[in-house]
C-alpha atoms as a PDB file:
ATOM      1  CA  UNK A   1       2.905  19.043  10.733  1.00  0.00           C
ATOM      2  CA  UNK A   2       2.715  19.339   7.033  1.00  0.00           C
ATOM      3  CA  UNK A   3       3.133  17.614   3.728  1.00  0.00           C
ATOM      4  CA  UNK A   4       1.547  14.200   3.370  1.00  0.00           C
ATOM      5  CA  UNK A   5       2.026  10.577   4.254  1.00  0.00           C
ATOM      6  CA  UNK A   6       5.243  10.168   2.260  1.00  0.00           C
ATOM      7  CA  UNK A   7       7.502  10.491   5.272  1.00  0.00           C
ATOM      8  CA  UNK A   8      10.723  10.691   3.251  1.00  0.00           C
ATOM      9  CA  UNK A   9       9.493  14.015   1.868  1.00  0.00           C
ATOM     10  CA  UNK A  10       9.660  15.639   5.295  1.00  0.00           C
ATOM     11  CA  UNK A  11      12.989  17.256   6.122  1.00  0.00           C
ATOM     12  CA  UNK A  12      14.714  15.793   9.153  1.00  0.00           C
ATOM     13  CA  UNK A  13      17.123  18.623   9.890  1.00  0.00           C
ATOM     14  CA  UNK A  14      17.440  19.915  13.449  1.00  0.00           C
ATOM     15  CA  UNK A  15      16.057  23.301  12.452  1.00  0.00           C
ATOM     16  CA  UNK A  16      13.050  21.767  10.756  1.00  0.00           C
ATOM     17  CA  UNK A  17      12.382  19.575  13.781  1.00  0.00           C
ATOM     18  CA  UNK A  18      12.557  22.554  16.154  1.00  0.00           C
ATOM     19  CA  UNK A  19      10.215  24.587  13.966  1.00  0.00           C
ATOM     20  CA  UNK A  20       7.809  21.691  13.836  1.00  0.00           C
ATOM     21  CA  UNK A  21       7.799  21.387  17.620  1.00  0.00           C
ATOM     22  CA  UNK A  22       7.074  25.097  17.975  1.00  0.00           C
ATOM     23  CA  UNK A  23       4.105  24.775  15.625  1.00  0.00           C
ATOM     24  CA  UNK A  24       2.791  21.825  17.637  1.00  0.00           C
ATOM     25  CA  UNK A  25       2.970  23.881  20.846  1.00  0.00           C
ATOM     26  CA  UNK A  26       1.147  26.787  19.190  1.00  0.00           C
ATOM     27  CA  UNK A  27      -1.507  24.510  17.758  1.00  0.00           C
ATOM     28  CA  UNK A  28      -2.397  22.940  21.078  1.00  0.00           C
ATOM     29  CA  UNK A  29      -2.315  26.246  22.948  1.00  0.00           C
ATOM     30  CA  UNK A  30      -4.950  27.526  20.535  1.00  0.00           C
ATOM     31  CA  UNK A  31      -6.984  24.332  20.714  1.00  0.00           C
ATOM     32  CA  UNK A  32      -6.924  24.594  24.495  1.00  0.00           C
ATOM     33  CA  UNK A  33      -8.237  28.160  24.247  1.00  0.00           C
ATOM     34  CA  UNK A  34     -11.140  26.948  22.088  1.00  0.00           C
ATOM     35  CA  UNK A  35     -11.891  24.104  24.495  1.00  0.00           C
ATOM     36  CA  UNK A  36     -11.841  26.493  27.461  1.00  0.00           C
ATOM     37  CA  UNK A  37     -14.203  28.912  25.728  1.00  0.00           C
ATOM     38  CA  UNK A  38     -16.600  26.233  24.481  1.00  0.00           C
ATOM     39  CA  UNK A  39     -16.280  23.747  27.335  1.00  0.00           C
ATOM     40  CA  UNK A  40     -16.793  26.156  30.204  1.00  0.00           C
ATOM     41  CA  UNK A  41     -13.568  26.752  32.053  1.00  0.00           C
ATOM     42  CA  UNK A  42      -9.865  26.027  32.419  1.00  0.00           C
ATOM     43  CA  UNK A  43     -10.210  23.023  34.723  1.00  0.00           C
ATOM     44  CA  UNK A  44      -9.732  19.786  32.742  1.00  0.00           C
ATOM     45  CA  UNK A  45     -11.445  17.859  35.560  1.00  0.00           C
ATOM     46  CA  UNK A  46     -14.730  19.576  34.733  1.00  0.00           C
ATOM     47  CA  UNK A  47     -14.129  20.350  31.045  1.00  0.00           C
ATOM     48  CA  UNK A  48     -14.045  17.151  28.984  1.00  0.00           C
ATOM     49  CA  UNK A  49     -13.144  19.008  25.775  1.00  0.00           C
ATOM     50  CA  UNK A  50     -10.116  20.541  27.459  1.00  0.00           C
ATOM     51  CA  UNK A  51      -9.109  17.190  28.957  1.00  0.00           C
ATOM     52  CA  UNK A  52      -9.228  15.598  25.498  1.00  0.00           C
ATOM     53  CA  UNK A  53      -7.035  18.320  23.993  1.00  0.00           C
ATOM     54  CA  UNK A  54      -4.506  17.983  26.821  1.00  0.00           C
ATOM     55  CA  UNK A  55      -4.422  14.216  26.316  1.00  0.00           C
ATOM     56  CA  UNK A  56      -3.663  14.640  22.608  1.00  0.00           C
ATOM     57  CA  UNK A  57      -1.059  17.318  23.365  1.00  0.00           C
ATOM     58  CA  UNK A  58       0.764  14.982  25.738  1.00  0.00           C
ATOM     59  CA  UNK A  59       0.687  12.186  23.180  1.00  0.00           C
ATOM     60  CA  UNK A  60       2.297  14.626  20.733  1.00  0.00           C
ATOM     61  CA  UNK A  61       5.068  15.257  23.280  1.00  0.00           C
ATOM     62  CA  UNK A  62       4.041  18.775  24.271  1.00  0.00           C
ATOM     63  CA  UNK A  63       5.942  19.383  27.547  1.00  0.00           C
ATOM     64  CA  UNK A  64       3.897  19.500  30.741  1.00  0.00           C
ATOM     65  CA  UNK A  65       5.350  22.945  31.482  1.00  0.00           C
ATOM     66  CA  UNK A  66       3.832  24.313  28.258  1.00  0.00           C
ATOM     67  CA  UNK A  67       0.444  22.857  29.122  1.00  0.00           C
ATOM     68  CA  UNK A  68       0.656  24.148  32.696  1.00  0.00           C
ATOM     69  CA  UNK A  69       1.541  27.685  31.556  1.00  0.00           C
ATOM     70  CA  UNK A  70      -1.411  27.771  29.185  1.00  0.00           C
ATOM     71  CA  UNK A  71      -3.797  26.565  31.899  1.00  0.00           C
ATOM     72  CA  UNK A  72      -2.430  29.042  34.446  1.00  0.00           C
ATOM     73  CA  UNK A  73      -2.928  31.866  31.972  1.00  0.00           C
ATOM     74  CA  UNK A  74      -6.660  31.240  31.772  1.00  0.00           C
ATOM     75  CA  UNK A  75      -7.086  30.123  35.364  1.00  0.00           C
ATOM     76  CA  UNK A  76      -5.705  33.494  36.448  1.00  0.00           C
ATOM     77  CA  UNK A  77      -8.541  35.252  34.666  1.00  0.00           C
ATOM     78  CA  UNK A  78      -7.355  35.820  31.098  1.00  0.00           C
ATOM     79  CA  UNK A  79     -10.143  35.594  28.530  1.00  0.00           C
ATOM     80  CA  UNK A  80      -9.860  32.757  26.019  1.00  0.00           C
ATOM     81  CA  UNK A  81      -9.128  34.102  22.552  1.00  0.00           C
ATOM     82  CA  UNK A  82     -11.822  33.734  19.929  1.00  0.00           C
ATOM     83  CA  UNK A  83     -10.097  31.350  17.526  1.00  0.00           C
ATOM     84  CA  UNK A  84     -11.886  29.766  14.583  1.00  0.00           C
ATOM     85  CA  UNK A  85     -11.022  27.109  12.006  1.00  0.00           C
ATOM     86  CA  UNK A  86     -10.729  27.957   8.314  1.00  0.00           C
ATOM     87  CA  UNK A  87      -9.457  25.897   5.393  1.00  0.00           C
ATOM     88  CA  UNK A  88      -8.053  27.329   2.162  1.00  0.00           C
ATOM     89  CA  UNK A  89      -7.352  25.413  -1.038  1.00  0.00           C
ATOM     90  CA  UNK A  90      -5.527  26.195  -4.228  1.00  0.00           C
ATOM     91  CA  UNK A  91      -2.694  25.306  -6.557  1.00  0.00           C
ATOM     92  CA  UNK A  92       1.030  25.639  -6.376  1.00  0.00           C
ATOM     93  CA  UNK A  93       3.426  25.667  -9.351  1.00  0.00           C
ATOM     94  CA  UNK A  94       2.878  22.941 -11.928  1.00  0.00           C
ATOM     95  CA  UNK A  95      -0.639  22.179 -10.701  1.00  0.00           C
ATOM     96  CA  UNK A  96       0.384  20.914  -7.245  1.00  0.00           C
ATOM     97  CA  UNK A  97      -2.708  20.728  -5.038  1.00  0.00           C
ATOM     98  CA  UNK A  98      -2.359  22.497  -1.689  1.00  0.00           C
ATOM     99  CA  UNK A  99      -4.627  22.642   1.364  1.00  0.00           C
ATOM    100  CA  UNK A 100      -3.913  25.019   4.265  1.00  0.00           C
ATOM    101  CA  UNK A 101      -5.808  24.375   7.491  1.00  0.00           C
ATOM    102  CA  UNK A 102      -5.840  27.415   9.752  1.00  0.00           C
ATOM    103  CA  UNK A 103      -6.801  28.334  13.298  1.00  0.00           C
ATOM    104  CA  UNK A 104      -7.054  32.094  13.685  1.00  0.00           C
ATOM    105  CA  UNK A 105      -8.415  34.954  15.748  1.00  0.00           C
ATOM    106  CA  UNK A 106      -8.455  37.240  12.709  1.00  0.00           C
ATOM    107  CA  UNK A 107      -9.866  35.727   9.525  1.00  0.00           C
ATOM    108  CA  UNK A 108      -9.117  38.791   7.388  1.00  0.00           C
ATOM    109  CA  UNK A 109      -5.453  38.732   8.341  1.00  0.00           C
ATOM    110  CA  UNK A 110      -5.139  35.017   7.727  1.00  0.00           C
ATOM    111  CA  UNK A 111      -6.843  34.905   4.340  1.00  0.00           C
ATOM    112  CA  UNK A 112      -4.791  37.903   3.187  1.00  0.00           C
ATOM    113  CA  UNK A 113      -1.549  36.172   4.177  1.00  0.00           C
ATOM    114  CA  UNK A 114      -2.506  32.828   2.647  1.00  0.00           C
ATOM    115  CA  UNK A 115      -3.751  34.452  -0.562  1.00  0.00           C
ATOM    116  CA  UNK A 116      -0.461  36.336  -0.847  1.00  0.00           C
ATOM    117  CA  UNK A 117       1.572  33.123  -0.589  1.00  0.00           C
ATOM    118  CA  UNK A 118      -0.572  31.362  -3.207  1.00  0.00           C
ATOM    119  CA  UNK A 119      -0.499  34.326  -5.582  1.00  0.00           C
ATOM    120  CA  UNK A 120       3.228  35.049  -5.260  1.00  0.00           C
ATOM    121  CA  UNK A 121       4.615  31.520  -5.361  1.00  0.00           C
ATOM    122  CA  UNK A 122       1.811  29.381  -6.771  1.00  0.00           C
ATOM    123  CA  UNK A 123      -1.158  29.551  -9.103  1.00  0.00           C
ATOM    124  CA  UNK A 124      -3.582  31.180  -6.671  1.00  0.00           C
ATOM    125  CA  UNK A 125      -6.319  30.294  -4.219  1.00  0.00           C
ATOM    126  CA  UNK A 126      -9.335  28.375  -5.458  1.00  0.00           C
ATOM    127  CA  UNK A 127     -12.872  27.811  -4.260  1.00  0.00           C
ATOM    128  CA  UNK A 128     -13.651  25.533  -1.345  1.00  0.00           C
ATOM    129  CA  UNK A 129     -13.378  21.918  -2.505  1.00  0.00           C
ATOM    130  CA  UNK A 130     -11.305  22.704  -5.591  1.00  0.00           C
ATOM    131  CA  UNK A 131      -8.521  20.289  -4.563  1.00  0.00           C
ATOM    132  CA  UNK A 132      -9.740  18.512  -1.414  1.00  0.00           C
ATOM    133  CA  UNK A 133     -11.722  16.053  -3.549  1.00  0.00           C
ATOM    134  CA  UNK A 134      -8.380  14.532  -4.582  1.00  0.00           C
ATOM    135  CA  UNK A 135      -7.330  13.793  -0.985  1.00  0.00           C
ATOM    136  CA  UNK A 136      -8.526  11.138   1.470  1.00  0.00           C
ATOM    137  CA  UNK A 137      -8.756  11.834   5.182  1.00  0.00           C
ATOM    138  CA  UNK A 138      -6.752   9.151   6.988  1.00  0.00           C
ATOM    139  CA  UNK A 139      -5.075   8.541  10.306  1.00  0.00           C
ATOM    140  CA  UNK A 140      -1.338   8.127   9.720  1.00  0.00           C
ATOM    141  CA  UNK A 141       1.160   6.681  12.208  1.00  0.00           C
ATOM    142  CA  UNK A 142       4.834   6.662  11.222  1.00  0.00           C
ATOM    143  CA  UNK A 143       7.545   4.579  12.898  1.00  0.00           C
ATOM    144  CA  UNK A 144      11.248   5.133  12.211  1.00  0.00           C
ATOM    145  CA  UNK A 145      12.985   1.755  12.407  1.00  0.00           C
ATOM    146  CA  UNK A 146      16.413   3.085  11.498  1.00  0.00           C
ATOM    147  CA  UNK A 147      18.058   1.027  14.239  1.00  0.00           C
ATOM    148  CA  UNK A 148      16.385  -2.130  12.953  1.00  0.00           C
ATOM    149  CA  UNK A 149      15.060  -3.116  16.375  1.00  0.00           C
ATOM    150  CA  UNK A 150      11.541  -3.867  15.114  1.00  0.00           C
ATOM    151  CA  UNK A 151      10.430  -6.824  13.017  1.00  0.00           C
ATOM    152  CA  UNK A 152       8.363  -5.688  10.053  1.00  0.00           C
ATOM    153  CA  UNK A 153       5.931  -8.611  10.084  1.00  0.00           C
ATOM    154  CA  UNK A 154       5.401  -8.342  13.839  1.00  0.00           C
ATOM    155  CA  UNK A 155       4.603  -4.623  13.653  1.00  0.00           C
ATOM    156  CA  UNK A 156       2.285  -5.206  10.713  1.00  0.00           C
ATOM    157  CA  UNK A 157       0.301  -7.814  12.643  1.00  0.00           C
ATOM    158  CA  UNK A 158       0.185  -5.570  15.707  1.00  0.00           C
ATOM    159  CA  UNK A 159      -1.182  -2.746  13.589  1.00  0.00           C
ATOM    160  CA  UNK A 160      -3.796  -4.806  11.792  1.00  0.00           C
ATOM    161  CA  UNK A 161      -4.906  -6.501  15.016  1.00  0.00           C
ATOM    162  CA  UNK A 162      -5.315  -3.042  16.586  1.00  0.00           C
ATOM    163  CA  UNK A 163      -7.711  -2.038  13.800  1.00  0.00           C
ATOM    164  CA  UNK A 164      -5.460  -0.343  11.250  1.00  0.00           C
ATOM    165  CA  UNK A 165      -6.652  -0.403   7.659  1.00  0.00           C
ATOM    166  CA  UNK A 166      -3.228  -0.629   5.995  1.00  0.00           C
ATOM    167  CA  UNK A 167       0.487  -1.065   6.649  1.00  0.00           C
ATOM    168  CA  UNK A 168       3.387  -0.070   4.415  1.00  0.00           C
ATOM    169  CA  UNK A 169       7.122  -0.528   4.864  1.00  0.00           C
ATOM    170  CA  UNK A 170       9.533   1.609   2.873  1.00  0.00           C
ATOM    171  CA  UNK A 171      13.117   1.021   3.927  1.00  0.00           C
ATOM    172  CA  UNK A 172      13.426   1.903   7.600  1.00  0.00           C
ATOM    173  CA  UNK A 173      10.023   3.601   7.700  1.00  0.00           C
ATOM    174  CA  UNK A 174       6.820   1.833   8.741  1.00  0.00           C
ATOM    175  CA  UNK A 175       3.612   3.679   7.890  1.00  0.00           C
ATOM    176  CA  UNK A 176       0.329   2.619   9.467  1.00  0.00           C
ATOM    177  CA  UNK A 177      -2.947   3.931   8.075  1.00  0.00           C
ATOM    178  CA  UNK A 178      -6.316   4.028   9.823  1.00  0.00           C
ATOM    179  CA  UNK A 179      -9.782   5.350   9.210  1.00  0.00           C
ATOM    180  CA  UNK A 180     -10.145   8.754  10.949  1.00  0.00           C
ATOM    181  CA  UNK A 181     -12.604   7.440  13.550  1.00  0.00           C
ATOM    182  CA  UNK A 182     -10.254   4.564  14.430  1.00  0.00           C
ATOM    183  CA  UNK A 183      -7.103   6.657  14.744  1.00  0.00           C
ATOM    184  CA  UNK A 184      -7.060   7.337  18.490  1.00  0.00           C
ATOM    185  CA  UNK A 185      -7.938   3.749  19.423  1.00  0.00           C
ATOM    186  CA  UNK A 186      -5.271   2.273  17.134  1.00  0.00           C
ATOM    187  CA  UNK A 187      -2.679   4.757  18.332  1.00  0.00           C
ATOM    188  CA  UNK A 188      -3.418   4.010  21.996  1.00  0.00           C
ATOM    189  CA  UNK A 189      -3.341   0.244  21.434  1.00  0.00           C
ATOM    190  CA  UNK A 190       0.037   0.370  19.701  1.00  0.00           C
ATOM    191  CA  UNK A 191       1.511   2.737  22.281  1.00  0.00           C
ATOM    192  CA  UNK A 192       0.509   0.264  24.973  1.00  0.00           C
ATOM    193  CA  UNK A 193       2.618  -2.291  23.097  1.00  0.00           C
ATOM    194  CA  UNK A 194       5.617   0.017  23.279  1.00  0.00           C
ATOM    195  CA  UNK A 195       5.626   1.433  19.753  1.00  0.00           C
ATOM    196  CA  UNK A 196       6.841   5.022  19.366  1.00  0.00           C
ATOM    197  CA  UNK A 197       5.781   7.283  16.502  1.00  0.00           C
ATOM    198  CA  UNK A 198       7.721  10.051  14.789  1.00  0.00           C
ATOM    199  CA  UNK A 199       4.475  11.263  13.237  1.00  0.00           C
ATOM    200  CA  UNK A 200       0.930  10.537  14.378  1.00  0.00           C
ATOM    201  CA  UNK A 201      -2.077  12.518  13.210  1.00  0.00           C
ATOM    202  CA  UNK A 202      -5.123  12.554  10.989  1.00  0.00           C
ATOM    203  CA  UNK A 203      -3.975  13.796   7.580  1.00  0.00           C
ATOM    204  CA  UNK A 204      -5.275  14.649   4.150  1.00  0.00           C
ATOM    205  CA  UNK A 205      -3.543  12.002   2.040  1.00  0.00           C
ATOM    206  CA  UNK A 206      -3.274  12.655  -1.719  1.00  0.00           C
ATOM    207  CA  UNK A 207      -4.777  10.142  -4.139  1.00  0.00           C
ATOM    208  CA  UNK A 208      -1.969  10.918  -6.580  1.00  0.00           C
ATOM    209  CA  UNK A 209       1.282  12.872  -6.655  1.00  0.00           C
ATOM    210  CA  UNK A 210       2.894  15.416  -8.966  1.00  0.00           C
ATOM    211  CA  UNK A 211       6.617  15.685  -9.697  1.00  0.00           C
ATOM    212  CA  UNK A 212       8.115  19.057 -10.521  1.00  0.00           C
ATOM    213  CA  UNK A 213      11.029  19.167 -12.946  1.00  0.00           C
ATOM    214  CA  UNK A 214      11.314  22.902 -13.624  1.00  0.00           C
ATOM    215  CA  UNK A 215      13.826  24.497 -11.260  1.00  0.00           C
ATOM    216  CA  UNK A 216      11.773  27.683 -10.884  1.00  0.00           C
ATOM    217  CA  UNK A 217       8.693  25.628 -10.006  1.00  0.00           C
ATOM    218  CA  UNK A 218      10.656  23.689  -7.390  1.00  0.00           C
ATOM    219  CA  UNK A 219      12.064  26.895  -5.931  1.00  0.00           C
ATOM    220  CA  UNK A 220       8.654  28.577  -5.779  1.00  0.00           C
ATOM    221  CA  UNK A 221       6.928  25.513  -4.333  1.00  0.00           C
ATOM    222  CA  UNK A 222       9.574  25.236  -1.631  1.00  0.00           C
ATOM    223  CA  UNK A 223       9.200  28.914  -0.769  1.00  0.00           C
ATOM    224  CA  UNK A 224       5.412  28.691  -0.739  1.00  0.00           C
ATOM    225  CA  UNK A 225       5.499  25.825   1.759  1.00  0.00           C
ATOM    226  CA  UNK A 226       8.052  27.664   3.895  1.00  0.00           C
ATOM    227  CA  UNK A 227       5.823  30.729   4.051  1.00  0.00           C
ATOM    228  CA  UNK A 228       2.685  28.750   4.871  1.00  0.00           C
ATOM    229  CA  UNK A 229       4.405  26.628   7.494  1.00  0.00           C
ATOM    230  CA  UNK A 230       6.010  29.693   9.061  1.00  0.00           C
ATOM    231  CA  UNK A 231       2.666  31.413   9.612  1.00  0.00           C
ATOM    232  CA  UNK A 232       1.348  30.883  13.146  1.00  0.00           C
ATOM    233  CA  UNK A 233      -2.258  30.846  11.902  1.00  0.00           C
ATOM    234  CA  UNK A 234      -1.564  27.897   9.584  1.00  0.00           C
ATOM    235  CA  UNK A 235      -1.866  24.662  11.533  1.00  0.00           C
ATOM    236  CA  UNK A 236      -1.372  22.071   8.780  1.00  0.00           C
ATOM    237  CA  UNK A 237      -0.423  22.132   5.109  1.00  0.00           C
ATOM    238  CA  UNK A 238      -1.250  19.189   2.846  1.00  0.00           C
ATOM    239  CA  UNK A 239      -0.012  18.850  -0.727  1.00  0.00           C
ATOM    240  CA  UNK A 240       0.614  16.264  -3.437  1.00  0.00           C
ATOM    241  CA  UNK A 241       4.121  17.331  -4.480  1.00  0.00           C
ATOM    242  CA  UNK A 242       6.316  14.265  -4.900  1.00  0.00           C
ATOM    243  CA  UNK A 243       9.636  15.566  -3.636  1.00  0.00           C
ATOM    244  CA  UNK A 244      12.825  13.732  -4.562  1.00  0.00           C
END
């Protein structure tokens, strides 16, 4: 779950897809732990926060078996881990803006890891807000129309009628944008009409993009993203690198 709204920048290899799924499972397992701790128990029938997380997990195609195992873990008496959210911002090679959103049970470990990645492969961590001002928080829904089964104008009207703020078609990819507060309602309305999304989440969308031409910069930026995305504490990575 990383990058930005330019869907063609996200690798579609089998390995990348599997890694992405694993990160989704980890993310929701941790969010469930927070909901159980804050909402008062591991029963979604009496814990509305937990029920909401489970609903979002299912919409992101987290298998029921994964959800059930997590619930059984806490229902059997295990204490919910003390996870907390932290966001780190800084610059990659060539001035690329990078935001790493984390969910961790050990802030010192996480900040040390993230700082290491920024220092080794980028231009270092910055203060809070140093790059986030150049991003807009938006709901983003991506449809892959590679088979050509969907009519562009029809999908656009469906999206706008559902409350989306924008629609963009780039080749076989349809990208629907919403305001953050409208995201869940728009997503649900379009799913009811049979639309399926390859990406659906609230993202930090860059206001502008940076192209890297230096081979060392490209290599280091790629490695930096790999390290961030491979860290279990890092939930999402947003950047404004315009990849070819």
